[in-house]
Amino acid sequence: MQNNKRDFILIKKTIEAEDITSLFFQTVDDLKFEYTSGQYIVFKPGTFGGRGKSYTISSDPSEEYICLTIKRKGEVSSALIDLNVGDKVLFEGPYGNFFPKIEYKDMVILAGGIGITPFYSIIKNKIKTGFEKQITLIYSNKTVFGTAFFEKLNKLSKDNSNFKVIYCLTGEEIKNPLVKEYTRINEEIIKKYSDSLKDKDYYICGSVGFVNDMWKILKNIGVQENCIFTETFY
């Protein structure tokens, strides 16, 4: 369901990682904002000449507040992060259809940096609704300190046997039992943590370069194109 343009009020802010903040909003009119996990809204601050930017909703539809998890990069993102609790904003949406199909298979998720946001919503939603297939998240960041939802994803993995997370760090090597890989996501990593490449859907989200690289790797190892779903952050 499309809500079009709605006014929201900022309820609270939470630091998720280095330069990454979660902003929690509720509608000004107190009416429900309907959306599906993986969808996004568009924010158009008036101070930037009408230019807007899209942000994936990181909350699950059953949660009390609508959450956007944003990395401080550029004028528009900084303007959102710098809002004060109680400030009002106008969002358009929700838009997009980047979410698992009705006929579910095991899911292999490849996330780069802030590209985790749609998947955080999807993973929480699948767990809450009793999704019984395997969800494997392979998540690339430079450092643990820059990894959004690190502790929250660990708890979800600990509490749910059908969800596992593999961290790939490219900017540091630390002694942390929760981090197994210190390399970019590559063909060997995907094969190592996926018992079979068949009968799975593959989801990719991150920068343009990350998405293109992951798509090529999946194609090279024989994954069918109709099993690959992508979302790119600009």
Protein backbone atom coordinates (compact mmCIF):
# COMPACT_ATOMS: atom_id res chain seq x y z
CA MET A 1 0.00 0.00 0.00
CA GLN A 2 1.34 3.42 -0.95
CA ASN A 3 1.04 6.15 1.66
CA ASN A 4 2.33 8.89 -0.67
CA LYS A 5 3.50 11.95 1.32
CA ARG A 6 3.32 11.78 5.10
CA ASP A 7 4.61 13.93 7.95
CA PHE A 8 6.72 12.21 10.60
CA ILE A 9 8.21 13.27 13.91
CA LEU A 10 11.61 12.12 15.16
CA ILE A 11 11.20 10.15 18.40
CA LYS A 12 14.78 9.05 19.15
CA LYS A 13 18.24 8.48 17.70
CA THR A 14 20.66 5.58 18.29
CA ILE A 15 24.30 5.25 17.25
CA GLU A 16 24.71 1.93 15.40
CA ALA A 17 28.35 2.14 14.28
CA GLU A 18 31.00 4.61 13.21
CA ASP A 19 29.20 7.39 11.26
CA ILE A 20 25.96 5.33 11.22
CA THR A 21 22.83 6.40 13.10
CA SER A 22 19.36 4.93 13.40
CA LEU A 23 16.52 7.46 13.44
CA PHE A 24 13.12 6.40 14.80
CA PHE A 25 10.00 8.18 13.55
CA GLN A 26 6.27 8.02 14.05
CA THR A 27 3.55 9.59 11.95
CA VAL A 28 2.33 12.98 13.07
CA ASP A 29 -1.29 11.91 12.54
CA ASP A 30 -0.73 8.69 14.58
CA LEU A 31 -2.18 6.62 11.71
CA LYS A 32 -0.34 3.46 10.72
CA PHE A 33 2.33 3.74 8.04
CA GLU A 34 2.07 0.57 5.98
CA TYR A 35 5.14 -0.85 4.27
CA THR A 36 6.85 -4.13 3.45
CA SER A 37 10.32 -5.20 4.58
CA GLY A 38 12.89 -4.07 2.02
CA GLN A 39 10.98 -0.98 0.90
CA TYR A 40 12.28 2.59 1.05
CA ILE A 41 11.10 6.17 1.48
CA VAL A 42 12.27 9.41 -0.15
CA PHE A 43 13.32 12.41 1.94
CA LYS A 44 13.33 15.84 0.27
CA PRO A 45 14.61 18.56 2.62
CA GLY A 46 13.55 22.01 1.48
CA THR A 47 16.96 23.53 2.16
CA PHE A 48 18.55 21.58 -0.71
CA GLY A 49 16.54 22.90 -3.63
CA GLY A 50 14.12 20.00 -3.77
CA ARG A 51 16.80 17.36 -4.21
CA GLY A 52 15.93 14.22 -2.31
CA LYS A 53 17.44 10.89 -1.42
CA SER A 54 16.08 7.39 -0.89
CA TYR A 55 16.52 5.50 2.38
CA THR A 56 15.59 1.89 3.05
CA ILE A 57 13.46 1.29 6.12
CA SER A 58 15.45 -0.83 8.58
CA SER A 59 12.60 -1.52 11.00
CA ASP A 60 10.22 -4.44 10.70
CA PRO A 61 6.59 -3.54 9.83
CA SER A 62 5.42 -4.91 13.19
CA GLU A 63 7.66 -2.53 15.18
CA GLU A 64 6.31 0.56 16.88
CA TYR A 65 8.43 3.13 15.06
CA ILE A 66 9.64 3.52 11.49
CA CYS A 67 13.43 3.36 11.53
CA LEU A 68 15.94 4.67 9.01
CA THR A 69 19.57 3.68 9.52
CA ILE A 70 21.80 6.20 7.79
CA LYS A 71 25.49 6.67 7.14
CA ARG A 72 26.76 10.23 7.38
CA LYS A 73 27.70 10.91 3.78
CA GLY A 74 26.68 14.02 1.88
CA GLU A 75 24.43 16.97 2.67
CA VAL A 76 21.07 15.20 2.69
CA SER A 77 22.13 12.31 4.92
CA SER A 78 23.86 14.68 7.31
CA ALA A 79 20.74 16.85 7.46
CA LEU A 80 18.69 13.86 8.55
CA ILE A 81 21.21 12.66 11.13
CA ASP A 82 21.46 16.16 12.59
CA LEU A 83 17.71 16.44 13.21
CA ASN A 84 16.68 17.00 16.81
CA VAL A 85 14.17 14.80 18.62
CA GLY A 86 10.79 16.39 18.05
CA ASP A 87 11.62 17.71 14.57
CA LYS A 88 9.13 17.04 11.79
CA VAL A 89 9.98 15.77 8.30
CA LEU A 90 8.10 14.88 5.14
CA PHE A 91 8.66 11.45 3.59
CA GLU A 92 7.33 10.05 0.33
CA GLY A 93 6.60 6.39 -0.13
CA PRO A 94 6.98 3.61 0.55
CA TYR A 95 8.46 2.39 -2.74
CA GLY A 96 10.26 -0.68 -4.04
CA ASN A 97 9.78 -4.43 -4.23
CA PHE A 98 13.15 -5.70 -3.00
CA PHE A 99 11.95 -8.47 -0.74
CA PRO A 100 11.64 -12.29 -0.82
CA LYS A 101 8.99 -13.81 -3.03
CA ILE A 102 5.99 -15.73 -1.73
CA GLU A 103 7.50 -19.07 -2.79
CA TYR A 104 10.43 -19.09 -0.38
CA LYS A 105 13.77 -20.82 -0.80
CA ASP A 106 16.86 -20.70 1.38
CA MET A 107 18.25 -17.16 1.27
CA VAL A 108 21.88 -16.15 0.78
CA ILE A 109 22.37 -12.45 1.48
CA LEU A 110 25.44 -10.49 0.37
CA ALA A 111 25.61 -7.07 2.05
CA GLY A 112 28.23 -4.37 1.71
CA GLY A 113 28.43 -1.68 4.38
CA ILE A 114 25.24 0.32 4.81
CA GLY A 115 23.65 -2.04 2.26
CA ILE A 116 22.66 -4.09 5.32
CA THR A 117 19.60 -1.90 5.99
CA PRO A 118 16.97 -3.65 3.84
CA PHE A 119 18.25 -7.03 5.00
CA TYR A 120 18.03 -6.10 8.68
CA SER A 121 14.32 -5.46 8.18
CA ILE A 122 13.84 -8.60 6.06
CA ILE A 123 15.73 -10.88 8.47
CA LYS A 124 13.77 -9.64 11.49
CA ASN A 125 10.50 -10.04 9.60
CA LYS A 126 11.28 -13.57 8.43
CA ILE A 127 12.23 -14.65 11.95
CA LYS A 128 9.10 -13.10 13.49
CA THR A 129 6.80 -14.70 10.94
CA GLY A 130 8.23 -18.20 11.40
CA PHE A 131 10.35 -18.51 8.24
CA GLU A 132 11.72 -22.07 8.35
CA LYS A 133 14.27 -21.96 5.53
CA GLN A 134 17.96 -21.13 6.08
CA ILE A 135 19.08 -17.50 5.96
CA THR A 136 22.81 -16.95 5.45
CA LEU A 137 24.10 -13.37 5.69
CA ILE A 138 27.61 -12.66 4.38
CA TYR A 139 28.33 -9.09 5.47
CA SER A 140 31.35 -7.04 4.34
CA ASN A 141 32.78 -4.05 6.22
CA LYS A 142 36.17 -2.49 6.80
CA THR A 143 36.11 -2.79 10.61
CA VAL A 144 33.93 -4.11 13.43
CA PHE A 145 33.53 -0.54 14.70
CA GLY A 146 32.04 0.39 11.33
CA THR A 147 29.68 -2.60 11.18
CA ALA A 148 26.04 -1.63 11.70
CA PHE A 149 23.91 -3.95 13.87
CA PHE A 150 26.93 -6.06 14.90
CA GLU A 151 25.62 -7.04 18.34
CA LYS A 152 21.99 -7.21 17.21
CA LEU A 153 22.77 -9.56 14.34
CA ASN A 154 24.85 -11.73 16.67
CA LYS A 155 21.89 -12.05 19.03
CA LEU A 156 19.53 -12.92 16.20
CA SER A 157 21.95 -15.60 15.04
CA LYS A 158 22.40 -16.98 18.54
CA ASP A 159 18.66 -17.16 19.16
CA ASN A 160 17.67 -18.60 15.76
CA SER A 161 19.28 -21.73 14.40
CA ASN A 162 18.15 -21.07 10.82
CA PHE A 163 19.98 -17.72 10.64
CA LYS A 164 23.74 -17.39 10.46
CA VAL A 165 25.94 -14.37 9.86
CA ILE A 166 29.46 -14.34 8.45
CA TYR A 167 31.46 -11.14 8.79
CA CYS A 168 34.12 -10.29 6.21
CA LEU A 169 36.45 -7.51 7.34
CA THR A 170 38.72 -5.82 4.81
CA GLY A 171 40.38 -3.13 6.94
CA GLU A 172 41.57 -4.90 10.08
CA GLU A 173 42.40 -8.26 11.61
CA ILE A 174 41.31 -8.65 15.21
CA LYS A 175 40.92 -11.45 17.69
CA ASN A 176 37.16 -11.78 17.76
CA PRO A 177 35.62 -15.27 17.66
CA LEU A 178 32.58 -13.86 15.88
CA VAL A 179 34.66 -12.75 12.88
CA LYS A 180 35.83 -15.60 10.67
CA GLU A 181 36.99 -13.90 7.47
CA TYR A 182 39.40 -11.06 6.76
CA THR A 183 38.95 -10.64 3.04
CA ARG A 184 36.50 -9.30 0.50
CA ILE A 185 33.58 -11.53 -0.31
CA ASN A 186 34.70 -13.81 -3.10
CA GLU A 187 33.79 -17.07 -4.80
CA GLU A 188 35.54 -19.18 -2.14
CA ILE A 189 33.69 -17.44 0.71
CA ILE A 190 30.28 -17.94 -0.88
CA LYS A 191 30.95 -21.62 -1.57
CA LYS A 192 32.40 -22.15 1.92
CA TYR A 193 29.27 -20.99 3.72
CA SER A 194 26.66 -22.33 1.31
CA ASP A 195 26.28 -26.10 1.33
CA SER A 196 24.82 -26.00 -2.17
CA LEU A 197 24.41 -23.28 -4.76
CA LYS A 198 21.11 -24.72 -5.97
CA ASP A 199 17.59 -24.12 -4.66
CA LYS A 200 18.49 -20.75 -3.13
CA ASP A 201 17.68 -17.12 -3.78
CA TYR A 202 20.55 -14.63 -3.63
CA TYR A 203 20.10 -11.03 -2.52
CA ILE A 204 22.74 -8.31 -2.97
CA CYS A 205 22.77 -4.74 -1.66
CA GLY A 206 25.56 -2.18 -1.39
CA SER A 207 27.46 0.28 -3.56
CA VAL A 208 27.31 0.06 -7.36
CA GLY A 209 30.76 -1.55 -7.45
CA PHE A 210 29.91 -4.06 -4.73
CA VAL A 211 26.64 -5.12 -6.37
CA ASN A 212 28.28 -5.51 -9.79
CA ASP A 213 31.15 -7.55 -8.34
CA MET A 214 28.84 -9.87 -6.37
CA TRP A 215 26.53 -10.35 -9.35
CA LYS A 216 29.47 -11.37 -11.55
CA ILE A 217 30.74 -13.81 -8.92
CA LEU A 218 27.33 -15.47 -8.60
CA LYS A 219 26.98 -15.76 -12.36
CA ASN A 220 30.50 -17.19 -12.66
CA ILE A 221 29.76 -19.95 -10.14
CA GLY A 222 26.59 -20.96 -11.93
CA VAL A 223 23.76 -19.18 -10.11
CA GLN A 224 20.83 -18.57 -12.45
CA GLU A 225 20.00 -14.93 -13.14
CA ASN A 226 16.38 -15.36 -12.05
CA CYS A 227 17.63 -16.31 -8.57
CA ILE A 228 19.63 -13.08 -8.10
CA PHE A 229 17.99 -9.93 -6.70
CA THR A 230 19.86 -6.65 -6.38
CA GLU A 231 19.48 -3.22 -4.82
CA THR A 232 22.09 -0.48 -5.22
CA PHE A 233 22.91 2.48 -2.97
CA TYR A 234 24.12 5.74 -4.56
